[in-house]
Protein backbone atom coordinates (compact mmCIF):
# COMPACT_ATOMS: atom_id res chain seq x y z
CA UNK A 1 187.26 15.93 -25.91
CA UNK A 2 184.38 14.14 -24.21
CA UNK A 3 185.47 15.52 -20.88
CA UNK A 4 185.46 19.07 -22.31
CA UNK A 5 181.96 18.54 -23.70
CA UNK A 6 180.77 17.29 -20.30
CA UNK A 7 182.41 20.24 -18.59
CA UNK A 8 180.79 22.60 -21.11
CA UNK A 9 177.38 20.99 -20.54
CA UNK A 10 177.78 21.26 -16.78
CA UNK A 11 178.81 24.90 -17.13
CA UNK A 12 175.82 25.63 -19.33
CA UNK A 13 173.50 23.91 -16.83
CA UNK A 14 175.03 25.87 -13.98
CA UNK A 15 174.73 29.09 -15.98
CA UNK A 16 171.05 28.36 -16.70
CA UNK A 17 170.44 27.64 -13.01
CA UNK A 18 172.16 30.89 -12.02
CA UNK A 19 170.11 32.84 -14.58
CA UNK A 20 166.96 31.29 -13.13
CA UNK A 21 168.03 32.30 -9.60
CA UNK A 22 168.83 35.84 -10.76
CA UNK A 23 165.40 36.08 -12.40
CA UNK A 24 163.69 34.87 -9.22
CA UNK A 25 165.67 37.32 -7.10
CA UNK A 26 164.79 40.19 -9.44
CA UNK A 27 161.12 39.24 -9.14
CA UNK A 28 161.42 39.09 -5.36
CA UNK A 29 163.09 42.51 -5.29
CA UNK A 30 160.37 43.97 -7.53
CA UNK A 31 157.66 42.52 -5.29
CA UNK A 32 159.33 43.94 -2.17
CA UNK A 33 159.66 47.34 -3.81
CA UNK A 34 155.98 47.26 -4.76
CA UNK A 35 154.99 46.25 -1.24
CA UNK A 36 157.17 48.99 0.20
CA UNK A 37 155.62 51.58 -2.12
CA UNK A 38 152.11 50.45 -1.16
CA UNK A 39 152.93 50.59 2.54
CA UNK A 40 154.44 54.05 2.11
CA UNK A 41 151.31 55.22 0.28
CA UNK A 42 149.06 53.87 3.05
CA UNK A 43 151.24 55.51 5.69
CA UNK A 44 151.19 58.85 3.87
CA UNK A 45 147.41 58.62 3.45
CA UNK A 46 146.98 57.89 7.16
CA UNK A 47 149.30 60.75 8.11
CA UNK A 48 147.32 63.16 5.92
CA UNK A 49 144.04 61.94 7.42
CA UNK A 50 145.45 62.34 10.93
CA UNK A 51 146.69 65.84 10.13
CA UNK A 52 143.28 66.80 8.73
CA UNK A 53 141.55 65.38 11.80
CA UNK A 54 143.94 67.21 14.10
CA UNK A 55 143.26 70.44 12.24
CA UNK A 56 139.49 69.93 12.54
CA UNK A 57 139.85 69.22 16.24
CA UNK A 58 142.07 72.29 16.74
CA UNK A 59 139.52 74.45 14.95
CA UNK A 60 136.71 73.03 17.03
CA UNK A 61 138.74 73.55 20.21
CA UNK A 62 139.32 77.18 19.25
CA UNK A 63 135.59 77.63 18.63
CA UNK A 64 134.93 76.10 22.04
CA UNK A 65 137.38 78.49 23.66
CA UNK A 66 135.71 81.42 21.95
CA UNK A 67 132.35 80.21 23.16
CA UNK A 68 133.70 79.89 26.70
CA UNK A 69 135.02 83.44 26.57
CA UNK A 70 131.63 84.64 25.38
CA UNK A 71 129.96 82.64 28.12
CA UNK A 72 132.23 84.18 30.73
CA UNK A 73 131.43 87.64 29.39
CA UNK A 74 127.71 86.90 29.38
CA UNK A 75 127.91 85.50 32.89
CA UNK A 76 129.83 88.56 33.97
CA UNK A 77 127.01 90.75 32.71
CA UNK A 78 124.41 88.63 34.50
CA UNK A 79 122.62 87.86 31.29
CA UNK A 80 120.85 84.60 32.02
CA UNK A 81 119.31 84.33 28.57
CA UNK A 82 122.64 84.82 26.80
CA UNK A 83 124.33 82.36 29.16
CA UNK A 84 121.71 79.74 28.47
CA UNK A 85 122.05 80.19 24.71
CA UNK A 86 125.83 79.95 24.90
CA UNK A 87 125.59 76.83 27.04
CA UNK A 88 123.35 75.27 24.41
CA UNK A 89 125.85 76.23 21.72
CA UNK A 90 128.63 74.63 23.75
CA UNK A 91 126.63 71.43 24.14
CA UNK A 92 126.06 71.38 20.38
CA UNK A 93 129.77 71.89 19.75
CA UNK A 94 130.57 69.13 22.22
CA UNK A 95 128.31 66.79 20.26
CA UNK A 96 130.06 67.86 17.06
CA UNK A 97 133.45 67.03 18.55
CA UNK A 98 132.19 63.62 19.63
CA UNK A 99 130.86 62.93 16.13
CA UNK A 100 134.16 63.98 14.56
CA UNK A 101 136.07 61.80 17.00
CA UNK A 102 133.80 58.83 16.29
CA UNK A 103 134.31 59.32 12.55
CA UNK A 104 138.04 59.41 13.13
CA UNK A 105 138.11 56.27 15.25
CA UNK A 106 135.80 54.48 12.83
CA UNK A 107 138.12 55.30 9.90
CA UNK A 108 141.20 54.10 11.72
């Protein structure tokens, strides 16, 4: 009988140890899931920011192309005043692109 009681006590101790290990593993799994969710959220946020920046840069590039076409037309018509104004606009747009790019690099 004593041997059975010892065996029962050992089994109960082992069961308690296993329950403790299961609890620790569940906590570890929960922490990993949380970390994974946070990393996924950061990644998605960065992807959205990159997409927005790319869209802004595409729009600015299209504006630049339009300005270049206008400049070519103005140059073709020998309109020095219009050419000068368009060149100034292009310089301003170039500064805008640089500012956007600096904002982008600063945020990443």
